[in-house]
Amino acid sequence: MDEVRRLRAGMMAFWVVLLVGGGIAHRGVAQEAGRPPAQRKLRLGIEDAVRLATTHNSSLKVSFFNHLIDRTRIAEAEAAFEPVGFVSADGGVSEVSFPQIFPTGNINPDGTPEFFQTIVTDSSVTADWLAGARGLLPTGATWQLQVRTDYRDREAGGLVNPSFQTATTATFTQPILRGAWLQYNLAATRQAEFAEQQSRQRFRGDVLDTILRVHEAYWNYVFAIQDLKVKRQSLAVAQELLDINRIKVETGVFAPIEITSAEAGVASRVTDVLVAENQVKETEDILKRLVLPFRGLGEWKTQIIPVDIASETRWKIPDLEDAIRLALKERPELLEARIQLRSRDLSVAVADNETLPKFDVKGSANFTGLDATFEDSFLGGFGPTGAESWSVGMALEFPLGNKAARAKLSRSRLERDQALYSYRDLQLAAVADVRSAWRAVKISEKTIASRKKSAELKEEELRNERVKLDSKVSTNFEVLRVEDDLAQRRSELIRTLADYRINLARLARALGSSLDVLKWPRN
């Protein structure tokens, strides 16, 4: 009898030191630090958690910047059709030496005038100006308009001195086959638009994935908290049973062995509580990482208090066929794949165009005027004294063999076929995902009822077993075994309720719909 009491006292002292002593040590550390750290409490419902995650999550911000970066490439591609202006100028002094014959004023014996020859140097001040613009049209045509002025001021003078000779020239070249028309020349812009649309769908998918992770983290945290309550209730029951057994042993109703089994039950449940407490902290940290902005490390001290609980509320989900149709229409992965197919089709069209011969038609016009001022020389080029010239032509070019272009066309077609099969595979995966998520929701609905019934039966069995124990028909071992089963059934029920909410979120993600507010009606 004394040995049993000493064993019991030793075990109880061990757990007191473990639980109470650990708390004293923690408080001692806090006191040495000066004062306990402040802890902010944040009451959070599932919709609030989703809103915070989509606002503060750093991974989403990275994905959103990718979308913005891809958007800038559209303007970059459109810049190819912006006209380019050009200006140039040069000037200087020009001297030209040449032989010149002048009369002397004398008459030769034969009666002819007499001449003498000398070297003459003619000095001129010259300047050239050129200004214009050129560009590319969406049809593939290139154009250029320029005005060129040659200024000359001769020391020897002349009929028009100083003189401005101004030429206005316009040229235009339009491809007819290779490199021609809108589809080819707007391909870079269209590809940039496709890339931006794909990036937008990837960002949308990242948002949906983040929201799903928030749902999973939130309901796992709710489960951990409620499961901890179950574990503590189980510990309280075991402790109560131990207290009752002590009294009965001391009064001689029970044998001392019953004390030992009751103490073992308490010790086992204390361990369960410790594990459950750690699980609460682990799941809370996962949720914090998703929803808090983390402007400083102090954010980790925030305590999240969930407002929503894993209740028995049911939602009416779409029929399986309707769910599949919605997923094939709305899932961002499929929308991105469809955009990819359009991009591949355009690449094939561009590569096919590049296998054609190059056949261009071109034309030019030139108007030249000469006068003593720039304005008069410019306008004179279009007047009766101006000189004008016109030209039209064509150019034909074709490669002998054309291997590079044909290989590019073959590669583009293969990449298009590859993208098509990838899209079909994504469709199959999407349907399988919806079917699995839809069945998981239905199974959860059915499991909730069976788990609840099982827990109720175990509660009744525990009451009966305790009556038997009072009547000495049962033992502590049997009571604790039934109580263990009851705690397990309660945990399973809570787990099923949490899984039901998670499965609803997974179904919504499989459909490609928004998860911040589930719009399905409640049963």
Protein backbone atom coordinates (compact mmCIF):
# COMPACT_ATOMS: atom_id res chain seq x y z
CA MET A 1 0.00 0.00 0.00
CA ASP A 2 2.79 2.45 0.93
CA GLU A 3 4.77 1.58 -2.23
CA VAL A 4 1.73 2.30 -4.42
CA ARG A 5 1.23 5.64 -2.72
CA ARG A 6 4.90 6.55 -3.16
CA LEU A 7 4.69 5.61 -6.87
CA ARG A 8 1.57 7.69 -7.29
CA ALA A 9 3.12 10.66 -5.51
CA GLY A 10 6.27 10.43 -7.66
CA MET A 11 4.31 10.40 -10.93
CA MET A 12 2.17 13.34 -9.89
CA ALA A 13 5.26 15.30 -8.83
CA PHE A 14 6.84 14.64 -12.25
CA TRP A 15 3.88 16.08 -14.15
CA VAL A 16 3.57 19.03 -11.79
CA VAL A 17 7.22 19.90 -12.40
CA LEU A 18 6.78 19.46 -16.17
CA LEU A 19 3.67 21.63 -16.49
CA VAL A 20 3.96 24.15 -13.66
CA GLY A 21 7.74 24.37 -13.55
CA GLY A 22 7.92 25.02 -17.27
CA GLY A 23 5.52 27.94 -16.83
CA ILE A 24 7.59 29.33 -13.94
CA ALA A 25 10.74 29.10 -16.04
CA HIS A 26 9.02 30.91 -18.90
CA ARG A 27 7.86 33.70 -16.60
CA GLY A 28 11.38 33.95 -15.19
CA VAL A 29 12.85 34.48 -18.65
CA ALA A 30 10.23 37.14 -19.37
CA GLN A 31 11.04 38.92 -16.13
CA GLU A 32 14.76 38.85 -16.91
CA ALA A 33 14.00 40.46 -20.27
CA GLY A 34 12.31 43.32 -18.42
CA ARG A 35 8.62 42.74 -19.13
CA PRO A 36 6.56 40.15 -20.98
CA PRO A 37 6.23 40.81 -24.73
CA ALA A 38 3.03 42.50 -25.80
CA GLN A 39 0.69 40.27 -27.75
CA ARG A 40 -1.85 41.69 -30.17
CA LYS A 41 -5.04 39.72 -30.65
CA LEU A 42 -6.65 39.56 -34.07
CA ARG A 43 -10.18 38.23 -34.42
CA LEU A 44 -10.42 36.75 -37.87
CA GLY A 45 -13.20 35.18 -39.93
CA ILE A 46 -12.48 33.18 -43.07
CA GLU A 47 -13.52 36.01 -45.39
CA ASP A 48 -11.33 38.46 -43.47
CA ALA A 49 -8.43 36.01 -43.73
CA VAL A 50 -8.90 35.77 -47.51
CA ARG A 51 -9.06 39.55 -47.81
CA LEU A 52 -5.86 40.02 -45.82
CA ALA A 53 -4.02 37.33 -47.78
CA THR A 54 -4.92 38.81 -51.17
CA THR A 55 -3.80 42.22 -49.88
CA HIS A 56 -0.56 41.41 -48.06
CA ASN A 57 0.74 38.13 -49.47
CA SER A 58 4.23 38.75 -50.89
CA SER A 59 4.04 35.87 -53.39
CA LEU A 60 0.96 37.42 -54.97
CA LYS A 61 2.73 40.76 -55.23
CA VAL A 62 5.57 39.09 -57.13
CA SER A 63 3.06 37.46 -59.50
CA PHE A 64 1.26 40.77 -60.01
CA PHE A 65 4.53 42.50 -60.93
CA ASN A 66 5.11 39.81 -63.57
CA HIS A 67 1.74 40.74 -65.04
CA LEU A 68 2.63 44.45 -65.07
CA ILE A 69 6.00 43.70 -66.69
CA ASP A 70 4.34 41.71 -69.48
CA ARG A 71 1.91 44.60 -70.03
CA THR A 72 4.80 46.97 -70.81
CA ARG A 73 5.88 44.71 -73.65
CA ILE A 74 2.71 45.59 -75.57
CA ALA A 75 3.70 49.26 -75.75
CA GLU A 76 7.23 48.15 -76.62
CA ALA A 77 5.93 46.19 -79.63
CA GLU A 78 3.59 48.99 -80.72
CA ALA A 79 6.56 51.37 -80.80
CA ALA A 80 7.73 49.72 -84.02
CA PHE A 81 5.13 51.81 -85.91
CA GLU A 82 6.15 55.13 -84.40
CA PRO A 83 7.72 57.46 -87.01
CA VAL A 84 11.36 58.45 -86.66
CA GLY A 85 12.53 61.98 -87.34
CA PHE A 86 16.04 62.77 -88.53
CA VAL A 87 18.05 65.94 -89.02
CA SER A 88 21.58 66.52 -90.26
CA ALA A 89 23.62 69.58 -91.20
CA ASP A 90 27.12 70.34 -92.38
CA GLY A 91 28.89 73.30 -93.92
CA GLY A 92 32.25 74.81 -94.78
CA VAL A 93 34.32 76.78 -97.24
CA SER A 94 35.12 75.32 -100.64
CA GLU A 95 37.83 76.53 -103.00
CA VAL A 96 38.23 75.29 -106.55
CA SER A 97 41.27 76.06 -108.76
CA PHE A 98 41.04 75.85 -112.55
CA PRO A 99 42.82 77.31 -115.61
CA GLN A 100 41.23 80.34 -117.22
CA ILE A 101 42.03 82.23 -120.53
CA PHE A 102 41.71 86.03 -120.62
CA PRO A 103 42.25 88.47 -123.60
CA THR A 104 45.29 90.79 -123.34
CA GLY A 105 43.79 93.55 -125.47
CA ASN A 106 46.47 93.14 -128.10
CA ILE A 107 46.08 92.00 -131.74
CA ASN A 108 48.29 89.37 -133.25
CA PRO A 109 49.98 90.04 -136.67
CA ASP A 110 47.49 87.73 -138.25
CA GLY A 111 44.72 89.94 -136.88
CA THR A 112 43.48 87.54 -134.15
CA PRO A 113 43.07 88.72 -130.55
CA GLU A 114 45.85 87.81 -128.14
CA PHE A 115 45.00 85.81 -124.97
CA PHE A 116 46.86 84.76 -121.83
CA GLN A 117 46.20 81.78 -119.51
CA THR A 118 46.28 81.82 -115.66
CA ILE A 119 45.13 79.78 -112.66
CA VAL A 120 41.96 81.08 -111.04
CA THR A 121 40.72 80.12 -107.55
CA ASP A 122 36.94 80.29 -106.90
CA SER A 123 35.93 80.37 -103.20
CA SER A 124 32.44 79.41 -101.99
CA VAL A 125 30.69 79.17 -98.62
CA THR A 126 28.54 76.02 -98.58
CA ALA A 127 26.03 74.45 -96.20
CA ASP A 128 23.73 71.42 -96.44
CA TRP A 129 20.61 70.76 -94.33
CA LEU A 130 18.60 67.57 -94.31
CA ALA A 131 15.41 66.96 -92.29
CA GLY A 132 12.69 64.39 -92.56
CA ALA A 133 10.80 61.45 -91.12
CA ARG A 134 10.45 57.78 -91.90
CA GLY A 135 8.36 54.96 -90.54
CA LEU A 136 6.70 51.58 -90.87
CA LEU A 137 2.98 51.01 -91.48
CA PRO A 138 1.01 48.01 -90.16
CA THR A 139 0.73 46.78 -93.76
CA GLY A 140 4.51 46.39 -93.85
CA ALA A 141 5.00 49.46 -96.02
CA THR A 142 7.99 51.71 -95.36
CA TRP A 143 7.85 55.42 -96.12
CA GLN A 144 10.20 58.35 -95.98
CA LEU A 145 9.72 62.07 -96.49
CA GLN A 146 12.73 64.41 -96.51
CA VAL A 147 13.71 67.94 -97.44
CA ARG A 148 17.31 68.64 -98.44
CA THR A 149 18.77 72.12 -99.01
CA ASP A 150 22.18 72.94 -100.53
CA TYR A 151 23.28 76.52 -99.82
CA ARG A 152 26.14 78.12 -101.83
CA ASP A 153 27.58 81.64 -101.72
CA ARG A 154 30.27 82.05 -104.43
CA GLU A 155 32.96 84.69 -104.15
CA ALA A 156 32.92 85.01 -107.94
CA GLY A 157 29.20 85.67 -107.90
CA GLY A 158 26.71 84.30 -110.40
CA LEU A 159 23.22 84.61 -111.75
CA VAL A 160 21.73 83.44 -108.43
CA ASN A 161 24.13 84.14 -105.62
CA PRO A 162 23.80 83.18 -102.83
CA SER A 163 21.69 80.22 -103.95
CA PHE A 164 19.43 77.68 -102.20
CA GLN A 165 18.69 74.43 -104.01
CA THR A 166 15.93 72.60 -102.12
CA ALA A 167 14.78 69.07 -102.99
CA THR A 168 11.65 67.50 -101.45
CA THR A 169 11.62 63.71 -101.79
CA ALA A 170 9.00 61.13 -100.86
CA THR A 171 9.53 57.35 -101.14
CA PHE A 172 7.14 54.49 -100.45
CA THR A 173 7.72 50.71 -100.56
CA GLN A 174 4.96 48.14 -100.03
CA PRO A 175 5.68 44.39 -99.71
CA ILE A 176 3.16 42.20 -101.52
CA LEU A 177 4.21 38.69 -100.42
CA ARG A 178 6.83 38.15 -97.69
CA GLY A 179 6.49 40.56 -94.77
CA ALA A 180 3.24 42.01 -96.07
CA TRP A 181 -0.10 42.97 -94.54
CA LEU A 182 -1.51 43.27 -91.05
CA GLN A 183 -1.26 39.73 -89.69
CA TYR A 184 2.49 39.57 -90.20
CA ASN A 185 3.41 43.07 -89.12
CA LEU A 186 1.11 43.17 -86.09
CA ALA A 187 2.30 39.72 -84.95
CA ALA A 188 4.77 41.09 -82.39
CA THR A 189 2.06 43.26 -80.83
CA ARG A 190 -0.44 40.41 -80.82
CA GLN A 191 2.12 38.06 -79.25
CA ALA A 192 2.80 40.65 -76.55
CA GLU A 193 -0.94 40.90 -75.91
CA PHE A 194 -1.17 37.11 -75.71
CA ALA A 195 1.72 37.05 -73.22
CA GLU A 196 -0.01 39.71 -71.09
CA GLN A 197 -3.28 37.76 -71.16
CA GLN A 198 -1.46 34.57 -70.16
CA SER A 199 0.29 36.42 -67.35
CA ARG A 200 -3.07 37.74 -66.18
CA GLN A 201 -4.47 34.20 -66.02
CA ARG A 202 -1.36 32.98 -64.16
CA PHE A 203 -1.85 35.77 -61.65
CA ARG A 204 -5.53 34.81 -61.31
CA GLY A 205 -4.48 31.20 -60.74
CA ASP A 206 -1.97 32.32 -58.11
CA VAL A 207 -4.73 34.28 -56.36
CA LEU A 208 -7.01 31.23 -56.33
CA ASP A 209 -4.18 29.02 -55.07
CA THR A 210 -3.40 31.50 -52.30
CA ILE A 211 -7.04 31.68 -51.27
CA LEU A 212 -7.20 27.89 -51.18
CA ARG A 213 -4.11 27.79 -48.95
CA VAL A 214 -5.78 30.33 -46.67
CA HIS A 215 -8.89 28.11 -46.40
CA GLU A 216 -6.74 25.08 -45.64
CA ALA A 217 -4.65 26.93 -43.06
CA TYR A 218 -7.67 28.56 -41.42
CA TRP A 219 -9.69 25.36 -41.01
CA ASN A 220 -6.65 23.36 -39.93
CA TYR A 221 -6.08 26.01 -37.27
CA VAL A 222 -9.74 25.82 -36.21
CA PHE A 223 -9.45 22.03 -36.01
CA ALA A 224 -6.28 22.27 -33.92
CA ILE A 225 -7.99 24.61 -31.44
CA GLN A 226 -11.12 22.48 -31.13
CA ASP A 227 -9.07 19.30 -30.97
CA LEU A 228 -7.06 20.82 -28.11
CA LYS A 229 -10.35 21.39 -26.26
CA VAL A 230 -11.21 17.71 -26.75
CA LYS A 231 -7.81 16.66 -25.43
CA ARG A 232 -8.22 18.89 -22.39
CA GLN A 233 -11.68 17.54 -21.73
CA SER A 234 -10.25 14.02 -21.92
CA LEU A 235 -7.53 15.00 -19.45
CA ALA A 236 -10.15 16.48 -17.13
CA VAL A 237 -12.17 13.26 -17.25
CA ALA A 238 -9.07 11.18 -16.50
CA GLN A 239 -8.12 13.50 -13.64
CA GLU A 240 -11.64 13.31 -12.24
CA LEU A 241 -11.54 9.53 -12.45
CA LEU A 242 -8.17 9.53 -10.66
CA ASP A 243 -9.55 11.71 -7.85
CA ILE A 244 -12.57 9.44 -7.42
CA ASN A 245 -10.37 6.33 -7.39
CA ARG A 246 -8.14 7.79 -4.69
CA ILE A 247 -11.12 8.27 -2.44
CA LYS A 248 -12.41 4.78 -3.14
CA VAL A 249 -9.00 3.23 -2.58
CA GLU A 250 -8.60 5.09 0.68
CA THR A 251 -12.04 3.89 1.78
CA GLY A 252 -11.20 0.34 0.73
CA VAL A 253 -13.75 0.16 -2.09
CA PHE A 254 -11.11 -0.27 -4.85
CA ALA A 255 -7.79 -2.05 -4.88
CA PRO A 256 -4.65 0.14 -5.08
CA ILE A 257 -3.95 -1.08 -8.63
CA GLU A 258 -6.83 1.08 -9.84
CA ILE A 259 -4.86 4.18 -8.77
CA THR A 260 -1.95 3.16 -10.97
CA SER A 261 -4.05 2.66 -14.11
CA ALA A 262 -5.83 5.99 -13.49
CA GLU A 263 -2.49 7.80 -13.09
CA ALA A 264 -1.23 6.22 -16.32
CA GLY A 265 -4.36 7.52 -18.06
CA VAL A 266 -3.69 11.05 -16.78
CA ALA A 267 -0.05 10.90 -17.90
CA SER A 268 -1.03 9.75 -21.40
CA ARG A 269 -3.56 12.55 -21.77
CA VAL A 270 -1.12 15.19 -20.55
CA THR A 271 1.14 14.16 -23.45
CA ASP A 272 -1.81 14.42 -25.83
CA VAL A 273 -2.50 17.95 -24.58
CA LEU A 274 1.11 18.99 -25.07
CA VAL A 275 1.13 17.65 -28.64
CA ALA A 276 -2.19 19.37 -29.38
CA GLU A 277 -0.91 22.69 -27.98
CA ASN A 278 2.11 22.50 -30.25
CA GLN A 279 -0.14 21.74 -33.22
CA VAL A 280 -2.17 24.87 -32.47
CA LYS A 281 1.01 26.96 -32.62
CA GLU A 282 2.19 25.27 -35.81
CA THR A 283 -1.08 25.81 -37.68
CA GLU A 284 -1.36 29.37 -36.36
CA ASP A 285 2.09 30.19 -37.75
CA ILE A 286 1.10 28.86 -41.17
CA LEU A 287 -1.98 31.10 -41.15
CA LYS A 288 0.03 34.10 -39.95
CA ARG A 289 2.48 33.65 -42.81
CA LEU A 290 -0.38 33.89 -45.28
CA VAL A 291 -2.45 36.76 -43.90
CA LEU A 292 -0.18 39.14 -41.97
CA PRO A 293 1.82 41.89 -43.73
CA PHE A 294 4.96 41.24 -41.62
CA ARG A 295 6.27 44.77 -41.55
CA GLY A 296 8.40 43.60 -38.62
CA LEU A 297 9.24 40.44 -36.68
CA GLY A 298 6.84 41.55 -33.97
CA GLU A 299 4.00 40.33 -36.20
CA TRP A 300 4.79 36.79 -35.05
CA LYS A 301 3.51 37.73 -31.57
CA THR A 302 0.02 38.37 -32.94
CA GLN A 303 -2.54 35.89 -31.65
CA ILE A 304 -5.18 34.98 -34.21
CA ILE A 305 -8.59 34.21 -32.77
CA PRO A 306 -10.79 32.47 -35.37
CA VAL A 307 -14.36 33.71 -35.49
CA ASP A 308 -15.79 31.00 -37.73
CA ILE A 309 -15.98 27.46 -36.38
CA ALA A 310 -16.28 24.10 -38.08
CA SER A 311 -20.05 23.74 -37.77
CA GLU A 312 -22.49 21.32 -39.36
CA THR A 313 -23.73 23.90 -41.87
CA ARG A 314 -24.11 22.43 -45.37
CA TRP A 315 -23.84 24.08 -48.79
CA LYS A 316 -25.66 23.12 -51.96
CA ILE A 317 -22.98 22.58 -54.58
CA PRO A 318 -23.55 22.45 -58.37
CA ASP A 319 -24.35 19.17 -60.08
CA LEU A 320 -21.30 17.30 -61.33
CA GLU A 321 -22.00 17.98 -65.02
CA ASP A 322 -22.58 21.69 -64.36
CA ALA A 323 -19.40 21.81 -62.29
CA ILE A 324 -17.37 20.26 -65.13
CA ARG A 325 -18.79 22.71 -67.69
CA LEU A 326 -17.99 25.65 -65.41
CA ALA A 327 -14.43 24.41 -64.84
CA LEU A 328 -13.77 23.99 -68.58
CA LYS A 329 -14.93 27.56 -69.06
CA GLU A 330 -13.39 29.35 -66.07
CA ARG A 331 -10.20 27.59 -64.92
CA PRO A 332 -7.26 29.96 -65.44
CA GLU A 333 -4.99 27.13 -66.57
CA LEU A 334 -7.36 26.31 -69.44
CA LEU A 335 -7.85 29.95 -70.37
CA GLU A 336 -4.08 30.38 -70.45
CA ALA A 337 -3.72 27.27 -72.61
CA ARG A 338 -6.34 28.53 -75.06
CA ILE A 339 -4.45 31.82 -75.37
CA GLN A 340 -1.28 29.80 -75.94
CA LEU A 341 -2.99 27.97 -78.83
CA ARG A 342 -3.90 31.29 -80.46
CA SER A 343 -0.31 32.41 -80.05
CA ARG A 344 0.95 29.22 -81.69
CA ASP A 345 -1.48 29.66 -84.60
CA LEU A 346 -0.13 33.16 -85.16
CA SER A 347 3.45 31.87 -85.07
CA VAL A 348 2.57 29.34 -87.78
CA ALA A 349 1.03 32.09 -89.93
CA VAL A 350 4.13 34.28 -89.55
CA ALA A 351 6.48 31.40 -90.34
CA ASP A 352 4.37 30.48 -93.38
CA ASN A 353 4.59 34.06 -94.66
CA GLU A 354 8.37 33.99 -94.36
CA THR A 355 8.59 31.08 -96.82
CA LEU A 356 7.17 33.28 -99.60
CA PRO A 357 9.33 35.16 -102.13
CA LYS A 358 9.99 38.82 -101.41
CA PHE A 359 8.06 40.96 -103.90
CA ASP A 360 7.87 44.70 -103.26
CA VAL A 361 6.45 47.59 -105.24
CA LYS A 362 7.95 51.01 -104.71
CA GLY A 363 7.60 54.56 -105.87
CA SER A 364 9.25 57.93 -105.32
CA ALA A 365 8.70 61.59 -106.17
CA ASN A 366 11.19 64.46 -106.11
CA PHE A 367 10.56 68.23 -106.39
CA THR A 368 13.57 70.57 -106.68
CA GLY A 369 13.64 74.36 -106.63
CA LEU A 370 16.45 76.90 -106.97
CA ASP A 371 16.28 80.47 -105.65
CA ALA A 372 18.01 83.07 -103.52
CA THR A 373 16.11 82.17 -100.35
CA PHE A 374 15.17 78.88 -98.72
CA GLU A 375 11.43 79.62 -98.73
CA ASP A 376 11.40 80.54 -102.42
CA SER A 377 13.51 77.51 -103.33
CA PHE A 378 11.19 75.19 -101.36
CA LEU A 379 7.97 76.58 -102.84
CA GLY A 380 9.54 76.90 -106.27
CA GLY A 381 10.04 73.17 -106.40
CA PHE A 382 6.28 72.79 -106.69
CA GLY A 383 5.87 75.74 -109.07
CA PRO A 384 6.38 76.20 -112.82
CA THR A 385 10.12 76.85 -112.43
CA GLY A 386 10.72 73.73 -110.32
CA ALA A 387 12.06 70.40 -111.52
CA GLU A 388 10.15 67.25 -110.68
CA SER A 389 10.83 63.58 -111.19
CA TRP A 390 8.79 60.43 -110.59
CA SER A 391 9.68 56.76 -110.48
CA VAL A 392 7.91 53.45 -109.87
CA GLY A 393 9.36 49.99 -109.72
CA MET A 394 9.32 46.51 -108.30
CA ALA A 395 11.79 44.13 -106.70
CA LEU A 396 11.63 40.35 -106.59
CA GLU A 397 13.81 38.21 -104.34
CA PHE A 398 13.59 34.51 -103.67
CA PRO A 399 15.97 32.20 -101.80
CA LEU A 400 17.31 29.15 -103.55
CA GLY A 401 16.38 26.29 -101.22
CA ASN A 402 14.76 28.29 -98.39
CA LYS A 403 15.72 25.67 -95.76
CA ALA A 404 15.77 28.05 -92.81
CA ALA A 405 12.24 29.39 -93.41
CA ARG A 406 10.81 25.93 -94.05
CA ALA A 407 12.45 24.54 -90.91
CA LYS A 408 11.00 27.42 -88.88
CA LEU A 409 7.55 26.68 -90.34
CA SER A 410 7.86 22.99 -89.46
CA ARG A 411 8.95 23.84 -85.90
CA SER A 412 6.05 26.26 -85.49
CA ARG A 413 3.56 23.62 -86.60
CA LEU A 414 5.05 21.05 -84.21
CA GLU A 415 4.89 23.54 -81.33
CA ARG A 416 1.26 24.25 -82.19
CA ASP A 417 0.42 20.54 -82.18
CA GLN A 418 2.29 20.14 -78.90
CA ALA A 419 0.29 23.00 -77.37
CA LEU A 420 -2.93 21.39 -78.59
CA TYR A 421 -2.14 18.08 -76.90
CA SER A 422 -1.09 19.92 -73.74
CA TYR A 423 -4.43 21.70 -73.75
CA ARG A 424 -6.30 18.42 -74.10
CA ASP A 425 -4.27 16.97 -71.23
CA LEU A 426 -5.14 20.01 -69.11
CA GLN A 427 -8.81 19.46 -69.92
CA LEU A 428 -8.61 15.86 -68.73
CA ALA A 429 -6.77 16.94 -65.58
CA ALA A 430 -9.37 19.63 -64.92
CA VAL A 431 -12.26 17.18 -65.27
CA ALA A 432 -10.50 14.68 -63.00
CA ASP A 433 -9.81 17.44 -60.47
CA VAL A 434 -13.45 18.51 -60.43
CA ARG A 435 -14.72 14.95 -60.12
CA SER A 436 -12.34 14.24 -57.22
CA ALA A 437 -13.18 17.48 -55.39
CA TRP A 438 -16.92 17.04 -55.98
CA ARG A 439 -16.84 13.47 -54.60
CA ALA A 440 -14.77 14.64 -51.61
CA VAL A 441 -17.48 17.17 -50.70
CA LYS A 442 -20.21 14.55 -51.01
CA ILE A 443 -18.26 12.04 -48.92
CA SER A 444 -17.64 14.70 -46.27
CA GLU A 445 -21.37 15.43 -46.10
CA LYS A 446 -22.15 11.77 -45.52
CA THR A 447 -19.26 11.25 -43.12
CA ILE A 448 -20.32 14.09 -40.85
CA ALA A 449 -23.56 12.34 -39.94
CA SER A 450 -21.85 9.01 -39.28
CA ARG A 451 -19.08 10.64 -37.21
CA LYS A 452 -21.62 12.53 -35.13
CA LYS A 453 -23.64 9.35 -34.50
CA SER A 454 -20.49 7.45 -33.56
CA ALA A 455 -19.49 10.13 -31.03
CA GLU A 456 -22.99 10.10 -29.48
CA LEU A 457 -22.88 6.32 -29.11
CA LYS A 458 -19.46 6.49 -27.48
CA GLU A 459 -20.75 9.10 -25.01
CA GLU A 460 -23.54 6.70 -24.07
CA GLU A 461 -21.08 3.82 -23.80
CA LEU A 462 -18.85 5.88 -21.50
CA ARG A 463 -21.76 6.69 -19.20
CA ASN A 464 -22.65 3.01 -19.05
CA GLU A 465 -19.06 1.99 -18.40
CA ARG A 466 -18.76 4.42 -15.51
CA VAL A 467 -21.92 3.00 -13.97
CA LYS A 468 -20.36 -0.45 -14.29
CA LEU A 469 -17.20 0.82 -12.63
CA ASP A 470 -19.21 2.14 -9.69
CA SER A 471 -20.82 -1.29 -9.44
CA LYS A 472 -17.37 -2.99 -9.67
CA VAL A 473 -18.46 -4.73 -12.87
CA SER A 474 -15.89 -2.79 -14.95
CA THR A 475 -12.35 -1.49 -14.42
CA ASN A 476 -10.48 1.77 -14.78
CA PHE A 477 -8.76 0.32 -17.83
CA GLU A 478 -12.08 -0.23 -19.60
CA VAL A 479 -13.40 3.21 -18.68
CA LEU A 480 -10.24 4.89 -19.95
CA ARG A 481 -10.32 2.80 -23.12
CA VAL A 482 -13.90 3.90 -23.84
CA GLU A 483 -12.98 7.49 -22.98
CA ASP A 484 -10.02 7.27 -25.40
CA ASP A 485 -12.40 6.05 -28.10
CA LEU A 486 -14.78 8.92 -27.34
CA ALA A 487 -12.00 11.51 -27.61
CA GLN A 488 -10.94 9.92 -30.89
CA ARG A 489 -14.52 10.05 -32.23
CA ARG A 490 -14.86 13.70 -31.24
CA SER A 491 -11.57 14.55 -32.93
CA GLU A 492 -12.65 12.66 -36.04
CA LEU A 493 -15.93 14.60 -36.12
CA ILE A 494 -14.15 17.94 -35.81
CA ARG A 495 -11.63 16.85 -38.46
CA THR A 496 -14.47 15.89 -40.80
CA LEU A 497 -16.22 19.23 -40.27
CA ALA A 498 -12.98 21.10 -41.03
CA ASP A 499 -12.27 18.87 -44.03
CA TYR A 500 -15.75 19.60 -45.35
CA ARG A 501 -14.97 23.32 -45.45
CA ILE A 502 -11.58 22.62 -47.01
CA ASN A 503 -13.16 20.35 -49.62
CA LEU A 504 -15.65 23.09 -50.49
CA ALA A 505 -12.73 25.43 -51.09
CA ARG A 506 -10.93 22.82 -53.18
CA LEU A 507 -14.03 22.31 -55.29
CA ALA A 508 -14.33 26.06 -55.82
CA ARG A 509 -10.66 26.15 -56.87
CA ALA A 510 -11.20 23.22 -59.21
CA LEU A 511 -14.04 25.17 -60.84
CA GLY A 512 -11.80 28.22 -61.26
CA SER A 513 -14.24 30.39 -59.33
CA SER A 514 -13.48 32.97 -56.66
CA LEU A 515 -13.07 31.60 -53.15
CA ASP A 516 -13.36 34.83 -51.15
CA VAL A 517 -17.17 34.44 -50.97
CA LEU A 518 -18.69 31.08 -51.74
CA LYS A 519 -21.93 31.94 -53.48
CA TRP A 520 -23.47 28.51 -53.18
CA PRO A 521 -26.72 28.50 -51.18
CA ARG A 522 -26.81 26.84 -47.78
CA ASN A 523 -29.00 23.86 -47.14
